[in-house]
Protein backbone atom coordinates (compact mmCIF):
# COMPACT_ATOMS: atom_id res chain seq x y z
CA MET A 1 -23.98 -3.59 -12.60
CA SER A 2 -20.64 -3.27 -11.11
CA LEU A 3 -18.36 -0.39 -9.55
CA HIS A 4 -14.65 -0.57 -10.03
CA PHE A 5 -11.91 1.84 -9.48
CA VAL A 6 -8.10 1.91 -9.28
CA LEU A 7 -6.62 3.71 -6.34
CA LYS A 8 -3.28 5.57 -7.41
CA ALA A 9 -1.10 7.66 -5.15
CA ASN A 10 1.03 10.31 -7.17
CA GLU A 11 -0.14 8.48 -10.65
CA GLN A 12 1.44 4.98 -8.87
CA PRO A 13 -1.68 2.03 -8.93
CA ILE A 14 -1.72 1.25 -5.14
CA GLY A 15 -5.01 -0.86 -5.17
CA SER A 16 -8.46 -1.66 -6.66
CA PHE A 17 -11.99 -2.08 -5.69
CA VAL A 18 -14.69 -3.90 -7.52
CA ALA A 19 -18.11 -4.66 -6.87
CA THR A 20 -20.50 -6.93 -8.74
CA ARG A 21 -23.94 -7.15 -8.46
CA THR A 22 -25.02 -10.82 -7.88
CA VAL A 23 -28.34 -10.15 -5.98
CA ASP A 24 -30.93 -7.64 -7.76
CA HIS A 25 -33.22 -6.26 -6.07
CA GLY A 26 -33.82 -3.36 -8.29
CA THR A 27 -32.49 0.30 -8.43
CA THR A 28 -35.27 2.16 -6.54
CA ASP A 29 -34.06 3.84 -3.43
CA ASP A 30 -35.23 1.14 -1.02
CA ALA A 31 -33.97 -1.63 -2.98
CA VAL A 32 -31.25 -3.59 -1.03
CA ASN A 33 -28.93 -5.85 -3.35
CA GLY A 34 -26.32 -8.15 -2.89
CA TYR A 35 -22.93 -7.40 -4.03
CA ASP A 36 -19.63 -9.75 -4.39
CA VAL A 37 -16.48 -7.53 -3.44
CA THR A 38 -12.70 -7.43 -3.75
CA ILE A 39 -10.23 -5.01 -3.04
CA ASP A 40 -6.93 -5.95 -4.16
CA THR A 41 -3.48 -4.10 -3.30
CA PRO A 42 0.15 -5.65 -3.63
CA ASP A 43 0.21 -7.38 -0.47
CA TRP A 44 -3.17 -8.72 0.01
CA GLU A 45 -6.55 -9.53 -1.64
CA TRP A 46 -10.30 -9.80 0.39
CA ASP A 47 -12.88 -11.07 -0.72
CA GLY A 48 -16.54 -10.58 0.59
CA HIS A 49 -20.34 -9.86 0.21
CA VAL A 50 -21.85 -7.03 1.16
CA GLN A 51 -25.41 -5.78 1.43
CA HIS A 52 -26.39 -2.34 0.12
CA ARG A 53 -29.48 -0.20 -0.03
CA TYR A 54 -29.71 1.35 -3.51
CA GLY A 55 -29.87 4.93 -2.21
CA ASP A 56 -27.15 5.07 -0.35
CA GLY A 57 -25.09 5.68 -3.25
CA ALA A 58 -21.69 4.47 -4.44
CA TRP A 59 -19.55 5.79 -1.72
CA THR A 60 -21.86 4.15 0.94
CA LEU A 61 -20.79 1.21 -1.00
CA VAL A 62 -17.35 1.16 -0.57
CA ARG A 63 -17.37 2.23 2.64
CA ARG A 64 -19.69 -0.93 3.62
CA ALA A 65 -17.29 -2.96 2.31
CA ILE A 66 -14.09 -1.70 4.02
CA ASP A 67 -16.05 -1.52 7.03
CA GLN A 68 -16.71 -5.45 6.84
CA MET A 69 -13.64 -6.22 5.56
CA GLU A 70 -11.66 -4.61 8.85
CA ALA A 71 -14.02 -6.46 10.83
CA GLU A 72 -13.32 -9.67 9.14
CA VAL A 73 -9.80 -9.16 9.74
CA ALA A 74 -10.27 -8.11 13.18
CA ALA A 75 -11.76 -11.10 14.04
CA ALA A 76 -9.55 -13.49 12.31
CA THR A 77 -6.42 -11.44 13.92
CA ALA A 78 -8.48 -11.93 17.16
CA ALA A 79 -8.79 -15.77 16.59
CA HIS A 80 -5.56 -15.85 15.79
CA ALA A 81 -4.14 -14.47 18.55
CA ALA A 82 -6.15 -16.76 20.98
CA VAL A 83 -4.59 -19.69 19.40
CA VAL A 84 -1.13 -18.64 20.07
CA GLU A 85 -2.21 -17.88 23.25
CA ALA A 86 -3.57 -21.43 24.21
CA LYS A 87 -0.55 -23.02 22.76
CA HIS A 88 1.84 -21.21 25.56
């Protein structure tokens, strides 16, 4: 199973989202599956792996992926800031 879409603003593509199930525990509501996710924009791309309960639905999978991406970006930014601070 995969979930994918192109995000557009005024008919102009500004990004895409692709989630492909790579760990399949079924399609019952309580099944927790794993998905490889790519969020792509003209300026950057994020790849990650997300665990998702099937019964929570597609929009929750999208939200969970975005939340994980933002958490990873924040952690990387903080780590970079710490390295820069240590050099000064």
